[in-house]
Protein backbone atom coordinates (compact mmCIF):
# COMPACT_ATOMS: atom_id res chain seq x y z
CA MET A 1 -15.75 -12.66 2.02
CA MET A 2 -17.48 -13.55 -1.30
CA VAL A 3 -19.88 -15.89 0.46
CA VAL A 4 -20.60 -13.46 3.26
CA ALA A 5 -21.44 -10.75 0.65
CA TRP A 6 -23.66 -13.45 -1.04
CA GLY A 7 -25.23 -14.09 2.14
CA LEU A 8 -25.84 -10.50 2.85
CA THR A 9 -27.81 -10.04 -0.32
CA TRP A 10 -30.38 -12.74 1.28
CA VAL A 11 -30.65 -10.67 4.64
CA VAL A 12 -30.07 -7.27 4.03
CA PRO A 13 -33.12 -5.22 2.47
CA ALA A 14 -32.44 -3.85 -1.02
CA GLY A 15 -32.31 -0.28 -1.34
CA THR A 16 -30.99 2.57 -3.51
CA PHE A 17 -29.77 6.09 -3.55
CA GLU A 18 -30.15 8.43 -6.46
CA ARG A 19 -26.77 9.42 -8.25
CA THR A 20 -25.75 12.36 -10.16
CA LEU A 21 -22.70 13.92 -12.13
CA ASN A 22 -20.53 16.57 -10.34
CA GLU A 23 -18.66 19.23 -12.15
CA ALA A 24 -15.81 16.76 -12.96
CA GLY A 25 -18.14 14.42 -14.45
CA ARG A 26 -17.97 11.72 -11.69
CA GLN A 27 -21.04 9.93 -10.63
CA ILE A 28 -21.84 10.73 -6.76
CA VAL A 29 -24.49 9.65 -4.58
CA VAL A 30 -27.06 12.14 -3.61
CA SER A 31 -27.62 12.79 0.13
CA GLY A 32 -31.21 12.20 1.79
CA THR A 33 -32.44 10.09 -1.48
CA TYR A 34 -31.94 6.72 -0.10
CA GLU A 35 -35.25 4.53 -0.14
CA ALA A 36 -35.92 0.94 0.46
CA LEU A 37 -36.87 -1.32 -2.73
CA GLU A 38 -39.55 -3.89 -2.84
CA GLN A 39 -38.40 -7.57 -2.43
CA THR A 40 -36.06 -8.57 -5.11
CA GLU A 41 -35.04 -11.86 -6.33
CA ASN A 42 -32.35 -13.58 -4.15
CA LEU A 43 -29.16 -14.63 -5.62
CA SER A 44 -28.62 -18.15 -6.31
CA PRO A 45 -25.33 -20.06 -5.14
CA TRP A 46 -24.33 -19.95 -8.93
CA ALA A 47 -23.72 -16.28 -8.61
CA LEU A 48 -20.89 -16.89 -6.50
CA LEU A 49 -19.18 -18.49 -9.57
CA THR A 50 -20.57 -16.51 -12.68
CA VAL A 51 -19.43 -13.10 -10.79
CA VAL A 52 -15.83 -14.08 -10.78
CA PRO A 53 -15.14 -13.93 -14.56
CA ARG A 54 -17.52 -10.81 -14.63
CA ALA A 55 -15.33 -9.37 -12.07
CA MET A 56 -12.13 -10.25 -13.78
CA ALA A 57 -13.46 -8.46 -16.91
CA ASP A 58 -14.58 -5.66 -14.91
CA ALA A 59 -11.06 -4.92 -13.31
CA GLN A 60 -9.11 -6.19 -16.50
CA GLY A 61 -7.24 -2.57 -16.52
CA ILE A 62 -5.91 -2.89 -13.25
CA ILE A 63 -5.17 -6.69 -13.41
CA PHE A 64 -3.12 -6.21 -16.39
CA PHE A 65 -1.33 -3.18 -15.20
CA VAL A 66 -0.28 -5.20 -11.92
CA LEU A 67 1.09 -8.08 -14.20
CA ILE A 68 3.12 -5.32 -16.27
CA ILE A 69 4.32 -3.55 -13.25
CA GLY A 70 5.46 -7.07 -11.71
CA GLY A 71 7.22 -8.10 -14.95
CA ALA A 72 9.29 -4.66 -15.05
CA LEU A 73 10.51 -4.70 -11.69
CA ALA A 74 11.56 -8.35 -11.81
CA VAL A 75 13.70 -7.15 -14.94
CA VAL A 76 15.11 -4.22 -12.85
CA ARG A 77 15.68 -6.41 -9.75
CA HIS A 78 17.48 -9.26 -12.03
CA THR A 79 20.08 -6.71 -13.11
CA GLY A 80 21.16 -6.40 -9.44
CA ALA A 81 20.69 -2.62 -9.42
CA ILE A 82 18.22 -2.23 -6.70
CA ASP A 83 20.20 -4.59 -4.25
CA ALA A 84 23.61 -2.87 -5.21
CA PHE A 85 22.05 0.53 -4.53
CA LEU A 86 20.48 -0.37 -1.36
CA GLY A 87 23.44 -2.12 -0.12
CA LYS A 88 25.69 0.78 -0.95
CA VAL A 89 23.49 2.99 0.99
CA ILE A 90 23.68 0.73 4.02
CA GLU A 91 27.61 0.44 3.52
CA ARG A 92 27.97 4.20 2.99
CA PHE A 93 26.17 4.86 6.24
CA GLY A 94 27.06 1.82 8.16
CA ASP A 95 29.00 3.64 10.86
CA LYS A 96 26.93 6.49 11.35
CA PRO A 97 23.77 5.01 13.17
CA ARG A 98 21.49 8.31 12.72
CA TRP A 99 22.41 8.46 9.13
CA LEU A 100 21.84 4.70 8.51
CA ILE A 101 18.39 4.72 10.31
CA GLY A 102 17.62 8.03 8.48
CA ILE A 103 18.71 7.27 4.76
CA GLY A 104 17.87 3.64 5.01
CA MET A 105 14.17 4.38 6.13
CA LEU A 106 14.08 7.02 3.49
CA SER A 107 15.17 4.53 0.74
CA PHE A 108 12.68 1.96 1.83
CA GLY A 109 9.86 4.64 1.98
CA VAL A 110 10.51 6.03 -1.21
CA ALA A 111 10.68 3.03 -3.12
CA SER A 112 7.28 2.06 -1.69
CA ALA A 113 5.55 5.02 -1.91
CA THR A 114 6.49 5.29 -5.85
CA LEU A 115 7.07 1.53 -7.08
CA GLY A 116 4.99 -0.19 -4.43
CA MET A 117 7.82 -2.37 -3.16
CA ALA A 118 7.63 -4.58 -0.18
CA GLU A 119 8.46 -8.31 -0.46
CA GLU A 120 11.53 -7.06 -2.39
CA TYR A 121 13.19 -5.89 0.82
CA ILE A 122 13.40 -9.20 2.60
CA PRO A 123 16.93 -10.04 1.30
CA PHE A 124 18.36 -7.08 2.98
CA ALA A 125 17.22 -8.06 6.43
CA ALA A 126 20.45 -10.09 7.13
CA ILE A 127 22.51 -7.07 6.00
CA LEU A 128 20.75 -4.59 7.99
CA ILE A 129 20.79 -6.71 11.29
CA ALA A 130 24.53 -7.47 11.08
CA LEU A 131 25.35 -3.54 10.56
CA CYS A 132 22.87 -2.63 13.39
CA VAL A 133 24.28 -5.37 15.82
CA ALA A 134 27.73 -4.04 14.93
CA MET A 135 26.77 -0.58 16.05
CA ARG A 136 25.29 -1.95 19.30
CA MET A 137 21.84 -1.79 18.16
CA ASP A 138 19.61 -5.05 17.60
CA ALA A 139 17.46 -7.03 15.16
CA VAL A 140 14.23 -4.90 16.00
CA ALA A 141 15.94 -1.84 15.32
CA ALA A 142 17.23 -2.91 12.15
CA ILE A 143 13.65 -4.50 10.78
CA GLY A 144 12.29 -1.25 12.13
CA ILE A 145 14.41 0.49 9.55
CA MET A 146 12.76 -1.65 6.77
CA VAL A 147 9.23 -2.27 8.01
CA VAL A 148 8.74 1.33 9.35
CA GLY A 149 10.23 2.89 6.19
CA TYR A 150 7.91 0.99 3.95
CA GLY A 151 4.82 1.48 6.05
CA ILE A 152 5.09 5.03 6.08
CA GLY A 153 5.77 4.94 2.22
CA TYR A 154 2.49 2.97 1.74
CA GLY A 155 0.64 5.07 4.18
CA VAL A 156 1.57 8.39 2.43
CA ALA A 157 2.16 7.00 -0.89
CA LEU A 158 2.82 9.24 -4.02
CA ILE A 159 2.01 7.18 -7.10
CA ASN A 160 2.06 3.64 -5.50
CA PRO A 161 0.50 1.49 -8.42
CA PHE A 162 -1.06 -1.17 -6.07
CA THR A 163 -2.80 1.02 -3.61
CA LEU A 164 -2.94 4.63 -4.60
CA LEU A 165 -3.81 4.39 -8.03
CA ILE A 166 -6.07 1.41 -7.65
CA ALA A 167 -8.10 3.40 -4.75
CA GLN A 168 -8.39 6.56 -6.98
CA GLU A 169 -9.54 4.37 -10.10
CA VAL A 170 -12.27 2.85 -7.78
CA ALA A 171 -13.13 6.39 -6.57
CA GLU A 172 -13.22 7.84 -10.04
CA LEU A 173 -10.40 10.31 -9.29
CA PRO A 174 -7.60 11.07 -11.54
CA PRO A 175 -4.77 9.00 -11.39
CA GLY A 176 -2.05 10.44 -9.09
CA SER A 177 -4.17 13.50 -8.24
CA GLY A 178 -3.71 15.23 -4.67
CA MET A 179 -0.06 14.71 -4.77
CA GLY A 180 0.62 18.19 -3.28
CA PHE A 181 -0.99 17.41 0.03
CA ARG A 182 0.46 14.01 0.21
CA LEU A 183 3.91 15.48 -0.36
CA MET A 184 3.32 17.80 2.66
CA LEU A 185 2.60 14.85 4.67
CA TRP A 186 5.63 13.06 4.12
CA LEU A 187 7.91 14.96 6.24
CA PRO A 188 5.98 14.94 9.46
CA PHE A 189 5.08 11.23 9.13
CA PHE A 190 8.57 10.35 8.28
CA ALA A 191 9.87 12.37 11.31
CA ILE A 192 7.38 10.47 13.59
CA GLY A 193 8.56 7.27 12.15
CA PHE A 194 12.45 8.13 12.45
CA HIS A 195 12.12 9.24 16.07
CA HIS A 196 10.64 6.22 16.97
CA VAL A 197 13.24 3.72 15.70
CA TRP A 198 16.16 5.98 16.45
CA GLN A 199 14.71 6.42 20.25
CA TYR A 200 14.80 2.58 20.48
CA ALA A 201 17.99 2.11 18.82
CA ARG A 202 19.55 4.81 21.45
CA ARG A 203 18.03 2.96 24.13
CA VAL A 204 19.63 -0.52 23.27
CA GLN A 205 22.92 1.26 22.58
CA VAL A 206 23.16 2.52 26.01
CA ASP A 207 21.83 -0.48 27.76
CA PRO A 208 21.93 -3.87 25.65
CA SER A 209 19.74 -5.66 28.17
CA ARG A 210 16.77 -3.47 27.09
CA SER A 211 16.54 -4.88 23.58
CA LEU A 212 13.37 -6.61 23.03
CA VAL A 213 15.46 -9.65 21.70
CA PHE A 214 18.10 -9.87 24.26
CA ASP A 215 17.10 -13.31 25.18
CA VAL A 216 16.21 -14.52 21.92
CA PRO A 217 18.99 -16.69 20.25
CA GLU A 218 17.08 -16.96 16.79
CA ALA A 219 17.05 -12.92 16.75
CA GLN A 220 21.17 -12.69 16.68
CA PRO A 221 22.94 -11.67 13.70
CA PRO A 222 22.98 -14.15 10.82
CA PRO A 223 26.20 -14.44 8.52
CA PRO A 224 26.48 -11.42 6.32
CA ALA A 225 24.96 -11.85 2.61
CA PRO A 226 27.29 -11.52 -0.47
CA THR A 227 27.76 -7.88 -1.61
CA VAL A 228 26.35 -6.84 -4.99
CA LEU A 229 28.70 -4.34 -6.64
CA LEU A 230 27.16 -1.12 -7.91
CA THR A 231 28.66 -1.33 -11.49
CA ARG A 232 28.21 1.16 -14.51
CA ARG A 233 25.55 -0.92 -15.96
CA ARG A 234 23.45 -1.21 -12.68
CA VAL A 235 23.82 2.79 -12.39
CA GLY A 236 22.44 2.76 -15.87
CA VAL A 237 19.49 0.87 -14.72
CA LEU A 238 19.01 2.93 -11.61
CA ALA A 239 18.99 6.02 -13.99
CA ALA A 240 16.59 4.57 -16.29
CA THR A 241 14.25 3.70 -13.32
CA VAL A 242 14.28 7.30 -12.11
CA LEU A 243 13.88 8.55 -15.57
CA ALA A 244 10.66 6.27 -15.77
CA LEU A 245 9.71 7.63 -12.50
CA VAL A 246 9.89 11.16 -13.78
CA LEU A 247 8.00 10.48 -16.85
CA LEU A 248 5.22 8.58 -14.98
CA VAL A 249 4.71 11.88 -12.89
CA PHE A 250 4.92 14.28 -15.72
CA GLY A 251 2.37 12.10 -17.67
CA ILE A 252 -0.12 11.80 -14.78
CA MET A 253 0.04 15.44 -13.71
CA GLY A 254 0.53 17.32 -17.15
CA HIS A 255 -1.14 14.98 -19.72
CA GLY A 256 -3.78 12.97 -17.82
CA TRP A 257 -2.02 9.58 -18.52
CA TYR A 258 -3.97 6.48 -17.02
CA LEU A 259 -3.46 2.72 -16.99
CA VAL A 260 -2.53 2.36 -20.62
CA GLU A 261 0.12 5.04 -20.75
CA LEU A 262 1.39 3.93 -17.31
CA GLY A 263 1.49 0.30 -18.22
CA ALA A 264 3.35 1.44 -21.59
CA VAL A 265 6.09 3.20 -19.37
CA PHE A 266 6.91 0.21 -17.48
CA ILE A 267 7.26 -1.98 -20.56
CA GLY A 268 9.34 0.47 -21.96
CA LEU A 269 11.44 0.50 -18.53
CA ALA A 270 11.68 -3.44 -18.68
CA ILE A 271 13.06 -3.30 -22.38
CA VAL A 272 15.67 -0.58 -21.47
CA ALA A 273 16.73 -1.84 -18.28
CA GLY A 274 17.27 -5.39 -19.50
CA LEU A 275 19.23 -4.02 -22.25
CA ILE A 276 21.31 -1.71 -19.98
CA GLY A 277 21.86 -4.41 -17.43
CA GLY A 278 23.24 -6.81 -20.15
CA LEU A 279 20.38 -9.36 -19.80
CA GLY A 280 19.75 -9.54 -23.68
CA LEU A 281 16.12 -9.80 -25.08
CA ASP A 282 15.53 -13.54 -24.33
CA ASP A 283 16.67 -13.07 -20.63
CA THR A 284 14.55 -10.03 -20.37
CA ALA A 285 11.50 -11.75 -21.61
CA LYS A 286 12.15 -14.65 -19.28
CA GLN A 287 12.28 -12.51 -16.20
CA PHE A 288 9.39 -10.37 -17.23
CA SER A 289 7.26 -13.48 -17.12
CA LYS A 290 8.64 -14.59 -13.99
CA GLY A 291 8.04 -11.26 -12.52
CA ALA A 292 4.45 -11.25 -13.85
CA ALA A 293 3.82 -14.82 -12.52
CA GLU A 294 4.91 -13.69 -8.97
CA LEU A 295 1.92 -11.29 -8.92
CA ALA A 296 -0.44 -13.50 -10.53
CA SER A 297 -2.01 -14.26 -7.17
CA THR A 298 -2.15 -10.46 -6.50
CA ALA A 299 -3.93 -10.09 -9.79
CA LEU A 300 -6.40 -12.94 -9.11
CA LEU A 301 -7.00 -11.45 -5.63
CA ILE A 302 -8.03 -7.98 -7.29
CA GLY A 303 -10.83 -9.94 -9.54
CA PHE A 304 -12.07 -11.72 -6.49
CA ALA A 305 -12.19 -8.51 -4.33
CA ARG A 306 -14.24 -6.90 -7.02
CA SER A 307 -16.53 -9.85 -7.09
CA ILE A 308 -17.42 -9.00 -3.55
CA ALA A 309 -18.78 -5.49 -4.42
CA LEU A 310 -20.50 -6.93 -7.78
CA LEU A 311 -22.48 -9.29 -5.73
CA LEU A 312 -23.43 -6.88 -3.42
CA GLU A 313 -24.51 -4.57 -6.24
CA ASP A 314 -26.33 -7.52 -7.92
CA GLY A 315 -28.22 -8.09 -4.79
CA GLN A 316 -29.03 -4.10 -4.67
CA VAL A 317 -27.81 -4.26 -0.82
CA LEU A 318 -24.72 -2.05 -1.61
CA ASP A 319 -26.47 1.10 -1.09
CA THR A 320 -28.19 -0.14 2.01
CA ILE A 321 -24.87 -0.92 3.80
CA VAL A 322 -23.61 2.45 2.59
CA TYR A 323 -26.49 4.10 4.32
CA ALA A 324 -25.86 1.83 7.48
CA PHE A 325 -22.15 3.14 7.62
CA ALA A 326 -23.35 6.70 6.87
CA ALA A 327 -25.88 7.16 9.12
CA PRO A 328 -23.69 7.20 12.31
CA LEU A 329 -20.88 9.01 10.51
CA SER A 330 -23.40 11.60 9.27
CA ALA A 331 -24.40 12.47 12.85
CA LEU A 332 -20.78 13.63 13.09
CA PRO A 333 -18.88 16.64 11.67
CA ALA A 334 -17.29 15.97 8.47
CA GLU A 335 -13.88 16.04 10.08
CA LEU A 336 -14.72 13.32 12.58
CA SER A 337 -16.60 11.40 9.74
CA ALA A 338 -13.15 11.31 8.03
CA VAL A 339 -11.56 10.02 11.08
CA GLY A 340 -14.37 7.31 11.57
CA MET A 341 -13.35 6.09 7.84
CA LEU A 342 -9.87 5.61 8.92
CA GLY A 343 -11.16 3.48 11.88
CA ILE A 344 -12.95 1.32 9.60
CA GLN A 345 -10.08 1.03 7.16
CA SER A 346 -7.71 0.37 9.91
CA LEU A 347 -9.89 -2.51 11.34
CA LEU A 348 -10.56 -4.06 7.77
CA ASN A 349 -6.79 -4.31 7.24
CA PHE A 350 -6.73 -7.33 9.67
CA PHE A 351 -9.13 -9.23 7.20
CA ILE A 352 -7.71 -7.81 3.91
CA PRO A 353 -4.00 -7.36 4.48
CA SER A 354 -3.56 -6.89 0.67
CA GLY A 355 -3.66 -3.13 -0.18
CA SER A 356 -5.09 -3.71 -3.93
CA GLY A 357 -7.65 -6.21 -2.55
CA GLN A 358 -8.58 -3.64 0.28
CA ALA A 359 -9.02 -0.85 -2.07
CA PHE A 360 -11.52 -2.89 -4.40
CA VAL A 361 -13.45 -4.05 -1.33
CA THR A 362 -13.60 -0.95 0.74
CA MET A 363 -13.60 1.98 -1.69
CA PRO A 364 -16.88 1.13 -3.51
CA LEU A 365 -18.46 1.73 0.28
CA MET A 366 -16.10 4.48 1.25
CA ALA A 367 -16.51 6.85 -1.77
CA PRO A 368 -20.35 6.97 -1.62
CA ILE A 369 -20.17 7.30 2.16
CA GLY A 370 -17.88 10.47 1.48
CA ASP A 371 -20.52 11.86 -0.62
CA LEU A 372 -23.10 11.54 1.82
CA VAL A 373 -21.37 12.93 5.03
CA GLY A 374 -19.38 15.77 3.06
CA VAL A 375 -15.95 14.19 2.82
CA SER A 376 -14.19 14.46 -0.50
CA ARG A 377 -13.20 11.17 -2.15
CA GLN A 378 -9.56 12.38 -2.25
CA VAL A 379 -9.88 12.36 1.68
CA ALA A 380 -11.78 9.04 1.76
CA VAL A 381 -8.75 7.57 -0.44
CA LEU A 382 -6.18 9.12 2.08
CA ALA A 383 -8.15 7.39 4.93
CA PHE A 384 -7.58 4.17 3.06
CA GLN A 385 -4.02 4.73 2.74
CA PHE A 386 -3.55 5.40 6.16
CA GLY A 387 -5.40 2.33 7.47
CA ASP A 388 -3.66 0.19 4.93
CA GLY A 389 -0.06 1.23 5.35
CA PHE A 390 0.20 1.88 9.07
CA MET A 391 -1.56 -1.16 9.88
CA ASN A 392 0.46 -3.60 7.47
CA MET A 393 3.13 -2.80 10.25
CA ILE A 394 1.38 -4.59 12.85
CA VAL A 395 -1.49 -7.11 11.52
CA PRO A 396 -0.13 -10.66 11.89
CA THR A 397 -2.29 -11.57 8.83
CA ASN A 398 0.25 -9.38 6.69
CA PRO A 399 2.67 -12.23 5.14
CA VAL A 400 5.33 -9.63 4.12
CA LEU A 401 5.50 -8.47 7.74
CA MET A 402 5.55 -11.99 9.28
CA GLY A 403 8.05 -13.15 6.44
CA ILE A 404 10.57 -10.48 7.48
CA ILE A 405 10.21 -10.73 11.28
CA GLY A 406 10.31 -14.34 10.84
CA LEU A 407 13.72 -14.42 8.81
CA ALA A 408 15.09 -11.97 11.60
CA GLY A 409 13.94 -14.38 14.32
CA ILE A 410 11.58 -11.80 16.12
CA PRO A 411 8.92 -13.03 18.16
CA TYR A 412 5.68 -11.57 16.90
CA ASP A 413 4.86 -10.50 20.79
CA ARG A 414 8.34 -8.64 21.01
CA TRP A 415 7.45 -6.82 17.48
CA PHE A 416 4.12 -6.06 18.76
CA ARG A 417 5.60 -4.18 21.78
CA PHE A 418 7.88 -2.16 19.58
CA ILE A 419 5.47 -1.08 16.91
CA PHE A 420 2.35 -0.57 18.88
CA PRO A 421 3.44 2.49 20.36
CA LEU A 422 4.09 3.92 16.77
CA ILE A 423 0.90 2.82 15.43
CA ILE A 424 -0.97 4.83 17.90
CA LYS A 425 1.19 7.90 17.03
CA LEU A 426 0.61 7.44 13.31
CA LEU A 427 -3.19 6.91 13.70
CA ILE A 428 -3.38 10.20 15.80
CA ALA A 429 -1.49 12.04 13.13
CA GLY A 430 -3.48 10.35 10.56
CA SER A 431 -6.72 11.60 12.09
CA LEU A 432 -5.23 15.01 12.33
CA ALA A 433 -4.35 15.02 8.77
CA LEU A 434 -7.60 13.93 7.61
CA MET A 435 -9.39 16.73 9.45
CA ILE A 436 -6.94 19.13 7.85
CA GLY A 437 -7.58 17.70 4.80
CA VAL A 438 -11.46 18.32 5.36
CA TRP A 439 -10.97 22.09 6.45
CA VAL A 440 -8.69 22.84 3.34
CA GLY A 441 -11.01 21.23 0.89
CA TYR A 442 -8.64 18.61 -0.21
CA SER A 443 -9.79 17.10 -3.76
């Protein structure tokens, strides 16, 4: 993508918009002010290398924030608190299919909407499959609980630091802003996902031969994983995690906290969770380092993704691309322009399945396009969330999805048959939500 961006600076005419500050002090593009520039100097191949450290420096706040979150979540995970909690939920409702699906999806969805969890769910695949098969469901229903839960959690994220906060930062919006509207969207989107999974599960219960993996030996239940007990220490870690989330919301909404303060909360959570969980200071530090290392590739990807926008800015073609995208959208009402943004984000997710990477690549384009076509930046961010979260449940370039269905033994074509109708439903609902956002002035 960087090479493509560099190549575009050679073939796309340079151009620029005038910009001004709005009432909130944010810089926005002024509609109708685009003008082509005289031929500028082309970027040399050397720029492909020099832009990377510049981009890393430009995105340093988000990069270090991601590393801190990775370290903190690793400490919490190592205490066994998350495994014990999710295991307890599954055990408690294991003989109640409807409750298992609902509570399971809600648990995965809330964790993704707040902490941005996804890869951490993989160990629960075996437990879910065993429970679902015991209740005459199948592996597809089990993985549907997990993937649909976290996909909707990402799509309607509340304070997800890996997608929402990054997209809002790039779009120059206050972190966590607009939460009220997203909270209202949670119930209808969750209901759509629950109905889809429950409908399929009921069909398999009535007639097991209708299972999409009825003839796939690899998709039959594996041996159950060892149970992690919910001890007092782990309850204490969970309580500390909940308190940290409450503090995050309080700080963001009431005191304008941003990356520095949010990072401080996660560092504090890591220390408190490590001590409550009995890890000690040394082991807490080791686990924090390991967790940060696990997200090093994500942090680097953010820098490289920022490089793409910097190359386009250096070549003075970013505004030309914005103008080209905005031209067809500007011919439409603002409501349909917002839906068009969702379509663009959904298509780009195939090529950039990383939520944080997609935010850095697309929001520099979508935010000014929104300025031009009368769509607020908050609606543009919501279109990004929908395109990223929902499409990650189906695109084969998403490593988390492919890892989960691979462990479950579900062939991709069978998973596609299960999830595609839901994606259509969610995109239709997302389009309606974006149109409502435009109508009510969501900002």
